[in-house]
N, C-alpha and C. Protein backbone atom coordinates (compact mmCIF):
# COMPACT_ATOMS: atom_id res chain seq x y z
N MET A 1 -7.71 91.50 171.79
CA MET A 1 -6.83 90.91 170.81
C MET A 1 -6.12 91.99 170.00
N LYS A 2 -6.86 93.05 169.61
CA LYS A 2 -6.25 94.13 168.84
C LYS A 2 -5.19 94.85 169.66
N ILE A 3 -5.45 95.02 170.94
CA ILE A 3 -4.48 95.70 171.80
C ILE A 3 -3.21 94.88 171.92
N LYS A 4 -3.37 93.57 172.09
CA LYS A 4 -2.21 92.69 172.21
C LYS A 4 -1.36 92.74 170.93
N SER A 5 -2.01 92.69 169.77
CA SER A 5 -1.29 92.76 168.49
C SER A 5 -0.59 94.10 168.34
N PHE A 6 -1.27 95.17 168.74
CA PHE A 6 -0.67 96.50 168.66
C PHE A 6 0.55 96.60 169.55
N LEU A 7 0.47 96.06 170.76
CA LEU A 7 1.61 96.12 171.68
C LEU A 7 2.80 95.32 171.15
N ILE A 8 2.52 94.16 170.57
CA ILE A 8 3.61 93.36 169.99
C ILE A 8 4.25 94.12 168.84
N PHE A 9 3.42 94.72 167.98
CA PHE A 9 3.95 95.52 166.87
C PHE A 9 4.78 96.68 167.39
N LEU A 10 4.28 97.37 168.40
CA LEU A 10 4.98 98.52 168.96
C LEU A 10 6.33 98.10 169.55
N MET A 11 6.36 96.99 170.26
CA MET A 11 7.62 96.50 170.84
C MET A 11 8.61 96.14 169.74
N ALA A 12 8.13 95.49 168.69
CA ALA A 12 9.02 95.11 167.58
C ALA A 12 9.56 96.36 166.89
N ALA A 13 8.71 97.35 166.69
CA ALA A 13 9.14 98.59 166.04
C ALA A 13 10.21 99.31 166.87
N ILE A 14 10.02 99.35 168.17
CA ILE A 14 11.00 99.99 169.04
C ILE A 14 12.32 99.25 168.99
N PHE A 15 12.25 97.92 169.00
CA PHE A 15 13.47 97.12 168.94
C PHE A 15 14.22 97.38 167.63
N VAL A 16 13.50 97.35 166.52
CA VAL A 16 14.14 97.56 165.21
C VAL A 16 14.75 98.94 165.14
N MET A 17 14.04 99.95 165.62
CA MET A 17 14.58 101.31 165.58
C MET A 17 15.84 101.41 166.43
N SER A 18 15.87 100.74 167.56
CA SER A 18 17.05 100.84 168.42
C SER A 18 18.24 100.13 167.82
N VAL A 19 18.01 99.09 167.05
CA VAL A 19 19.11 98.35 166.43
C VAL A 19 19.56 99.02 165.15
N CYS A 20 18.63 99.51 164.35
CA CYS A 20 18.96 99.98 163.01
C CYS A 20 19.23 101.47 162.90
N SER A 21 18.72 102.25 163.77
CA SER A 21 18.89 103.69 163.65
C SER A 21 20.24 104.11 164.19
N PRO A 22 21.09 104.68 163.34
CA PRO A 22 22.40 105.11 163.81
C PRO A 22 22.31 106.14 164.94
N ILE A 23 21.29 106.97 164.91
CA ILE A 23 21.16 107.99 165.95
C ILE A 23 20.82 107.34 167.28
N MET A 24 19.85 106.41 167.26
CA MET A 24 19.43 105.78 168.51
C MET A 24 20.49 104.80 169.02
N ALA A 25 21.33 104.28 168.09
CA ALA A 25 22.33 103.32 168.49
C ALA A 25 23.51 103.97 169.21
N GLN A 26 23.64 105.30 169.10
CA GLN A 26 24.73 105.99 169.77
C GLN A 26 24.53 105.91 171.27
N LYS A 27 25.62 105.92 171.97
CA LYS A 27 25.56 105.85 173.43
C LYS A 27 24.97 107.15 173.97
N THR A 28 23.98 107.00 174.81
CA THR A 28 23.39 108.17 175.45
C THR A 28 23.81 108.18 176.91
N THR A 29 23.84 109.33 177.46
CA THR A 29 24.19 109.43 178.87
C THR A 29 22.98 109.88 179.66
N ASP A 30 22.90 109.42 180.86
CA ASP A 30 21.84 109.87 181.75
C ASP A 30 22.48 110.41 183.01
N LYS A 31 21.67 110.71 184.00
CA LYS A 31 22.18 111.34 185.22
C LYS A 31 23.19 110.45 185.93
N LYS A 32 22.98 109.13 185.88
CA LYS A 32 23.92 108.22 186.53
C LYS A 32 25.29 108.28 185.87
N ASP A 33 25.28 108.35 184.53
CA ASP A 33 26.54 108.39 183.80
C ASP A 33 27.35 109.64 184.13
N SER A 34 26.66 110.74 184.39
CA SER A 34 27.38 111.98 184.66
C SER A 34 28.08 111.96 186.02
N LYS A 35 27.72 110.99 186.86
CA LYS A 35 28.33 110.90 188.19
C LYS A 35 29.47 109.88 188.22
N GLN A 36 29.93 109.44 187.05
CA GLN A 36 31.00 108.46 186.99
C GLN A 36 32.28 109.04 187.57
N THR A 37 33.10 108.14 188.07
CA THR A 37 34.41 108.59 188.57
C THR A 37 35.30 108.93 187.39
N SER A 38 36.35 109.67 187.62
CA SER A 38 37.23 110.08 186.52
C SER A 38 37.91 108.87 185.88
N GLN A 39 38.17 107.81 186.66
CA GLN A 39 38.79 106.61 186.08
C GLN A 39 37.84 105.93 185.10
N THR A 40 36.60 105.78 185.48
CA THR A 40 35.63 105.13 184.62
C THR A 40 35.37 105.98 183.39
N ALA A 41 35.33 107.27 183.54
CA ALA A 41 35.06 108.16 182.41
C ALA A 41 36.19 108.12 181.39
N LYS A 42 37.41 107.81 181.81
CA LYS A 42 38.54 107.79 180.90
C LYS A 42 38.62 106.50 180.08
N LYS A 43 37.91 105.45 180.50
CA LYS A 43 37.94 104.19 179.77
C LYS A 43 37.28 104.36 178.41
N LYS A 44 37.93 103.78 177.40
CA LYS A 44 37.38 103.82 176.06
C LYS A 44 36.56 102.56 175.83
N VAL A 45 35.47 102.72 175.12
CA VAL A 45 34.68 101.56 174.73
C VAL A 45 35.31 101.00 173.47
N GLU A 46 35.68 99.74 173.54
CA GLU A 46 36.31 99.09 172.40
C GLU A 46 35.27 98.78 171.33
N PRO A 47 35.58 99.06 170.07
CA PRO A 47 34.63 98.72 169.00
C PRO A 47 34.52 97.20 168.86
N VAL A 48 33.36 96.75 168.45
CA VAL A 48 33.14 95.32 168.27
C VAL A 48 33.95 94.86 167.06
N LYS A 49 34.77 93.85 167.29
CA LYS A 49 35.62 93.34 166.22
C LYS A 49 35.21 91.91 165.87
N ASN A 50 33.93 91.75 165.64
CA ASN A 50 33.37 90.44 165.33
C ASN A 50 32.52 90.57 164.08
N ALA A 51 32.94 89.95 163.00
CA ALA A 51 32.22 90.05 161.72
C ALA A 51 30.81 89.50 161.84
N ASP A 52 30.63 88.44 162.62
CA ASP A 52 29.29 87.87 162.79
C ASP A 52 28.33 88.89 163.39
N TYR A 53 28.80 89.64 164.36
CA TYR A 53 27.98 90.66 165.01
C TYR A 53 27.48 91.68 163.98
N TRP A 54 28.40 92.20 163.18
CA TRP A 54 28.03 93.22 162.19
C TRP A 54 27.16 92.64 161.08
N PHE A 55 27.45 91.41 160.68
CA PHE A 55 26.64 90.76 159.65
C PHE A 55 25.20 90.58 160.15
N ASP A 56 25.06 90.11 161.38
CA ASP A 56 23.72 89.91 161.94
C ASP A 56 22.95 91.22 162.07
N ARG A 57 23.63 92.27 162.46
CA ARG A 57 22.97 93.59 162.54
C ARG A 57 22.52 94.05 161.16
N GLY A 58 23.38 93.84 160.17
CA GLY A 58 23.03 94.21 158.81
C GLY A 58 21.83 93.42 158.30
N ALA A 59 21.84 92.12 158.59
CA ALA A 59 20.73 91.27 158.14
C ALA A 59 19.41 91.71 158.79
N LEU A 60 19.47 92.05 160.06
CA LEU A 60 18.27 92.50 160.76
C LEU A 60 17.75 93.80 160.15
N CYS A 61 18.65 94.73 159.91
CA CYS A 61 18.24 96.00 159.30
C CYS A 61 17.65 95.80 157.91
N ALA A 62 18.29 94.95 157.12
CA ALA A 62 17.80 94.68 155.77
C ALA A 62 16.42 94.03 155.82
N THR A 63 16.23 93.13 156.76
CA THR A 63 14.95 92.45 156.90
C THR A 63 13.82 93.44 157.15
N TYR A 64 14.10 94.47 157.92
CA TYR A 64 13.08 95.45 158.25
C TYR A 64 13.12 96.69 157.37
N GLY A 65 13.85 96.62 156.24
CA GLY A 65 13.79 97.68 155.25
C GLY A 65 14.74 98.84 155.44
N ASN A 66 15.64 98.75 156.40
CA ASN A 66 16.61 99.83 156.60
C ASN A 66 17.91 99.47 155.88
N ASP A 67 17.84 99.53 154.55
CA ASP A 67 18.99 99.09 153.74
C ASP A 67 20.19 100.01 153.87
N LYS A 68 19.97 101.30 154.14
CA LYS A 68 21.12 102.21 154.31
C LYS A 68 21.96 101.79 155.50
N ALA A 69 21.32 101.49 156.62
CA ALA A 69 22.06 101.03 157.80
C ALA A 69 22.66 99.66 157.54
N ALA A 70 21.91 98.80 156.87
CA ALA A 70 22.40 97.45 156.57
C ALA A 70 23.70 97.50 155.78
N ILE A 71 23.77 98.39 154.80
CA ILE A 71 24.97 98.52 153.97
C ILE A 71 26.18 98.85 154.84
N LYS A 72 26.01 99.76 155.78
CA LYS A 72 27.11 100.14 156.68
C LYS A 72 27.56 98.97 157.53
N TYR A 73 26.59 98.21 158.05
CA TYR A 73 26.94 97.07 158.89
C TYR A 73 27.61 95.96 158.08
N PHE A 74 27.12 95.70 156.86
CA PHE A 74 27.77 94.69 156.02
C PHE A 74 29.19 95.12 155.67
N GLN A 75 29.40 96.42 155.48
CA GLN A 75 30.75 96.92 155.18
C GLN A 75 31.68 96.65 156.35
N LYS A 76 31.20 96.82 157.57
CA LYS A 76 32.02 96.53 158.75
C LYS A 76 32.35 95.04 158.81
N ALA A 77 31.38 94.20 158.47
CA ALA A 77 31.62 92.75 158.46
C ALA A 77 32.67 92.40 157.42
N ILE A 78 32.59 93.02 156.25
CA ILE A 78 33.56 92.76 155.18
C ILE A 78 34.96 93.21 155.60
N LYS A 79 35.04 94.36 156.25
CA LYS A 79 36.33 94.87 156.70
C LYS A 79 36.99 93.90 157.67
N LEU A 80 36.19 93.29 158.54
CA LEU A 80 36.72 92.35 159.53
C LEU A 80 36.96 90.96 158.95
N ASP A 81 36.18 90.59 157.94
CA ASP A 81 36.31 89.27 157.34
C ASP A 81 36.09 89.37 155.83
N PRO A 82 37.14 89.75 155.09
CA PRO A 82 37.00 89.96 153.64
C PRO A 82 36.68 88.70 152.85
N LYS A 83 36.75 87.54 153.48
CA LYS A 83 36.43 86.29 152.79
C LYS A 83 34.98 85.86 152.99
N ARG A 84 34.21 86.69 153.64
CA ARG A 84 32.81 86.36 153.93
C ARG A 84 31.93 86.73 152.73
N SER A 85 31.67 85.76 151.88
CA SER A 85 30.92 85.99 150.65
C SER A 85 29.51 86.49 150.92
N GLY A 86 28.89 85.99 151.97
CA GLY A 86 27.52 86.39 152.29
C GLY A 86 27.39 87.87 152.57
N ALA A 87 28.43 88.48 153.13
CA ALA A 87 28.37 89.92 153.42
C ALA A 87 28.39 90.73 152.12
N TYR A 88 29.20 90.30 151.17
CA TYR A 88 29.21 90.98 149.86
C TYR A 88 27.84 90.84 149.19
N PHE A 89 27.31 89.62 149.25
CA PHE A 89 26.01 89.36 148.64
C PHE A 89 24.92 90.22 149.27
N GLU A 90 24.82 90.19 150.58
CA GLU A 90 23.76 90.95 151.26
C GLU A 90 23.92 92.45 151.06
N GLN A 91 25.15 92.92 151.05
CA GLN A 91 25.36 94.35 150.81
C GLN A 91 24.91 94.70 149.39
N GLY A 92 25.21 93.84 148.44
CA GLY A 92 24.77 94.06 147.06
C GLY A 92 23.25 94.07 146.95
N ILE A 93 22.60 93.16 147.64
CA ILE A 93 21.13 93.11 147.61
C ILE A 93 20.56 94.39 148.22
N SER A 94 21.16 94.88 149.29
CA SER A 94 20.68 96.13 149.91
C SER A 94 20.84 97.31 148.95
N TYR A 95 21.97 97.37 148.26
CA TYR A 95 22.14 98.42 147.25
C TYR A 95 21.06 98.29 146.16
N GLY A 96 20.77 97.06 145.76
CA GLY A 96 19.73 96.83 144.76
C GLY A 96 18.37 97.31 145.24
N GLN A 97 18.07 97.07 146.49
CA GLN A 97 16.79 97.52 147.06
C GLN A 97 16.69 99.05 147.03
N LEU A 98 17.83 99.71 147.11
CA LEU A 98 17.86 101.17 147.08
C LEU A 98 17.92 101.73 145.65
N GLY A 99 17.96 100.82 144.67
CA GLY A 99 18.01 101.25 143.28
C GLY A 99 19.40 101.63 142.81
N GLN A 100 20.42 101.30 143.59
CA GLN A 100 21.80 101.62 143.22
C GLN A 100 22.44 100.38 142.57
N PHE A 101 21.96 100.07 141.37
CA PHE A 101 22.33 98.84 140.69
C PHE A 101 23.80 98.80 140.30
N GLU A 102 24.38 99.98 140.00
CA GLU A 102 25.79 100.03 139.61
C GLU A 102 26.71 99.62 140.77
N LYS A 103 26.23 99.73 141.99
CA LYS A 103 26.98 99.26 143.16
C LYS A 103 26.59 97.83 143.53
N ALA A 104 25.34 97.49 143.28
CA ALA A 104 24.81 96.18 143.67
C ALA A 104 25.44 95.03 142.90
N ILE A 105 25.45 95.15 141.59
CA ILE A 105 25.88 94.03 140.74
C ILE A 105 27.34 93.62 141.02
N PRO A 106 28.30 94.55 141.10
CA PRO A 106 29.68 94.12 141.38
C PRO A 106 29.83 93.39 142.73
N LEU A 107 29.06 93.80 143.72
CA LEU A 107 29.15 93.14 145.02
C LEU A 107 28.60 91.71 144.95
N VAL A 108 27.48 91.54 144.28
CA VAL A 108 26.93 90.20 144.13
C VAL A 108 27.86 89.35 143.25
N ASN A 109 28.44 89.97 142.22
CA ASN A 109 29.41 89.24 141.39
C ASN A 109 30.59 88.75 142.23
N LYS A 110 31.06 89.58 143.15
CA LYS A 110 32.17 89.20 144.03
C LYS A 110 31.78 87.97 144.86
N ALA A 111 30.55 87.97 145.38
CA ALA A 111 30.08 86.82 146.16
C ALA A 111 30.03 85.57 145.29
N ILE A 112 29.57 85.72 144.04
CA ILE A 112 29.51 84.58 143.12
C ILE A 112 30.91 84.08 142.79
N GLU A 113 31.87 84.98 142.62
CA GLU A 113 33.25 84.56 142.38
C GLU A 113 33.77 83.73 143.55
N MET A 114 33.38 84.10 144.75
CA MET A 114 33.85 83.40 145.94
C MET A 114 33.14 82.05 146.14
N GLU A 115 31.87 81.98 145.72
CA GLU A 115 31.07 80.76 145.86
C GLU A 115 30.25 80.53 144.60
N PRO A 116 30.88 80.04 143.55
CA PRO A 116 30.18 79.90 142.27
C PRO A 116 29.08 78.84 142.25
N GLN A 117 29.01 78.00 143.26
CA GLN A 117 27.98 76.96 143.31
C GLN A 117 26.81 77.34 144.22
N ASN A 118 26.77 78.59 144.66
CA ASN A 118 25.70 79.03 145.55
C ASN A 118 24.54 79.59 144.70
N GLY A 119 23.49 78.81 144.59
CA GLY A 119 22.33 79.20 143.79
C GLY A 119 21.65 80.46 144.29
N LEU A 120 21.67 80.67 145.60
CA LEU A 120 21.05 81.87 146.16
C LEU A 120 21.68 83.13 145.60
N PHE A 121 22.98 83.11 145.40
CA PHE A 121 23.67 84.29 144.89
C PHE A 121 23.21 84.61 143.46
N PHE A 122 23.04 83.57 142.65
CA PHE A 122 22.55 83.79 141.29
C PHE A 122 21.11 84.29 141.30
N TYR A 123 20.30 83.72 142.19
CA TYR A 123 18.91 84.16 142.30
C TYR A 123 18.85 85.63 142.74
N GLY A 124 19.67 85.99 143.71
CA GLY A 124 19.71 87.38 144.17
C GLY A 124 20.14 88.33 143.08
N ARG A 125 21.17 87.94 142.33
CA ARG A 125 21.62 88.80 141.23
C ARG A 125 20.52 88.91 140.17
N GLY A 126 19.80 87.84 139.94
CA GLY A 126 18.68 87.88 139.01
C GLY A 126 17.61 88.86 139.46
N ARG A 127 17.34 88.88 140.75
CA ARG A 127 16.35 89.84 141.28
C ARG A 127 16.83 91.27 141.10
N VAL A 128 18.13 91.51 141.30
CA VAL A 128 18.67 92.86 141.09
C VAL A 128 18.55 93.24 139.62
N HIS A 129 18.88 92.31 138.73
CA HIS A 129 18.73 92.59 137.29
C HIS A 129 17.27 92.90 136.95
N LEU A 130 16.36 92.16 137.55
CA LEU A 130 14.95 92.39 137.30
C LEU A 130 14.53 93.78 137.79
N LEU A 131 15.00 94.16 138.97
CA LEU A 131 14.70 95.50 139.48
C LEU A 131 15.29 96.59 138.58
N ALA A 132 16.44 96.28 137.97
CA ALA A 132 17.10 97.25 137.08
C ALA A 132 16.46 97.28 135.70
N GLY A 133 15.52 96.36 135.45
CA GLY A 133 14.82 96.34 134.17
C GLY A 133 15.47 95.47 133.10
N ASP A 134 16.46 94.66 133.49
CA ASP A 134 17.14 93.80 132.53
C ASP A 134 16.61 92.37 132.68
N GLN A 135 15.48 92.11 132.04
CA GLN A 135 14.81 90.83 132.18
C GLN A 135 15.62 89.66 131.60
N GLU A 136 16.36 89.92 130.53
CA GLU A 136 17.15 88.86 129.90
C GLU A 136 18.23 88.33 130.84
N LYS A 137 18.99 89.24 131.45
CA LYS A 137 20.02 88.83 132.39
C LYS A 137 19.39 88.17 133.63
N ALA A 138 18.25 88.70 134.04
CA ALA A 138 17.55 88.13 135.20
C ALA A 138 17.18 86.68 134.94
N MET A 139 16.63 86.40 133.77
CA MET A 139 16.22 85.03 133.44
C MET A 139 17.41 84.09 133.36
N THR A 140 18.53 84.59 132.84
CA THR A 140 19.74 83.77 132.79
C THR A 140 20.17 83.37 134.20
N ASP A 141 20.14 84.33 135.13
CA ASP A 141 20.52 84.04 136.51
C ASP A 141 19.50 83.15 137.21
N PHE A 142 18.22 83.35 136.95
CA PHE A 142 17.20 82.50 137.57
C PHE A 142 17.36 81.05 137.11
N LYS A 143 17.66 80.86 135.83
CA LYS A 143 17.87 79.51 135.30
C LYS A 143 19.09 78.86 135.96
N LYS A 144 20.17 79.62 136.07
CA LYS A 144 21.38 79.09 136.70
C LYS A 144 21.11 78.75 138.17
N ALA A 145 20.40 79.61 138.85
CA ALA A 145 20.08 79.37 140.27
C ALA A 145 19.23 78.10 140.41
N ALA A 146 18.27 77.91 139.50
CA ALA A 146 17.43 76.71 139.54
C ALA A 146 18.27 75.46 139.29
N GLU A 147 19.22 75.55 138.37
CA GLU A 147 20.13 74.42 138.11
C GLU A 147 20.95 74.07 139.35
N LEU A 148 21.25 75.08 140.15
CA LEU A 148 22.04 74.88 141.38
C LEU A 148 21.14 74.54 142.58
N ASP A 149 19.90 74.20 142.29
CA ASP A 149 18.93 73.75 143.29
C ASP A 149 18.44 74.82 144.26
N ASP A 150 18.45 76.07 143.84
CA ASP A 150 17.85 77.11 144.67
C ASP A 150 16.33 76.98 144.57
N GLU A 151 15.68 76.75 145.71
CA GLU A 151 14.24 76.50 145.73
C GLU A 151 13.42 77.69 145.24
N ASP A 152 13.82 78.90 145.61
CA ASP A 152 13.09 80.08 145.16
C ASP A 152 13.15 80.22 143.65
N ALA A 153 14.32 79.98 143.09
CA ALA A 153 14.48 80.07 141.64
C ALA A 153 13.66 78.99 140.95
N GLN A 154 13.67 77.79 141.50
CA GLN A 154 12.89 76.71 140.91
C GLN A 154 11.40 77.04 140.94
N ALA A 155 10.93 77.58 142.05
CA ALA A 155 9.51 77.95 142.16
C ALA A 155 9.18 79.07 141.17
N TYR A 156 10.09 80.03 141.03
CA TYR A 156 9.86 81.12 140.08
C TYR A 156 9.79 80.60 138.65
N MET A 157 10.70 79.71 138.31
CA MET A 157 10.72 79.15 136.95
C MET A 157 9.46 78.33 136.69
N GLU A 158 8.98 77.61 137.69
CA GLU A 158 7.73 76.83 137.53
C GLU A 158 6.55 77.76 137.32
N THR A 159 6.52 78.87 138.05
CA THR A 159 5.44 79.84 137.92
C THR A 159 5.44 80.44 136.52
N ILE A 160 6.61 80.75 136.01
CA ILE A 160 6.71 81.31 134.66
C ILE A 160 6.25 80.27 133.62
N ALA A 161 6.66 79.02 133.81
CA ALA A 161 6.29 77.96 132.87
C ALA A 161 4.77 77.77 132.85
N GLN A 162 4.14 77.86 134.01
CA GLN A 162 2.68 77.70 134.09
C GLN A 162 1.95 78.88 133.44
N ALA A 163 2.54 80.06 133.53
CA ALA A 163 1.91 81.26 132.97
C ALA A 163 1.97 81.25 131.44
N GLU A 164 2.92 80.56 130.88
CA GLU A 164 3.07 80.54 129.42
C GLU A 164 2.15 79.56 128.84
């Protein structure tokens, strides 16, 4: 059982590293590639021009704690789809995880401007404020998120009420 768990963990770690690591994500060549014809070698690989693709890569990296890579991927998603509020939000949360609050808050604010009824965005901004040490602003955002029916914010507010 321990071996099976270790192998699953090892496979997941390899997958995450291959997706999130900019070095490993670069195209590598092997002996077969060096034998390509001159026509094939001249073809350019087109960059992915799909915001969903970059957003999903960013989300995966953020999930596994590689916020630096996630920020780059969310930026690519924003460049391709500047109206995608979730990309601004997630990029802001990643900056917050890295302690770069001066970059985090404006990005989350942009997402809130785009979707003012999204409770998750207020809850996320509250978490960034909490990480930055501003408990008053955090509580204001948690309350607003709870009013907008964000389940995490409601659970947090209930926990605080029980503790008092």
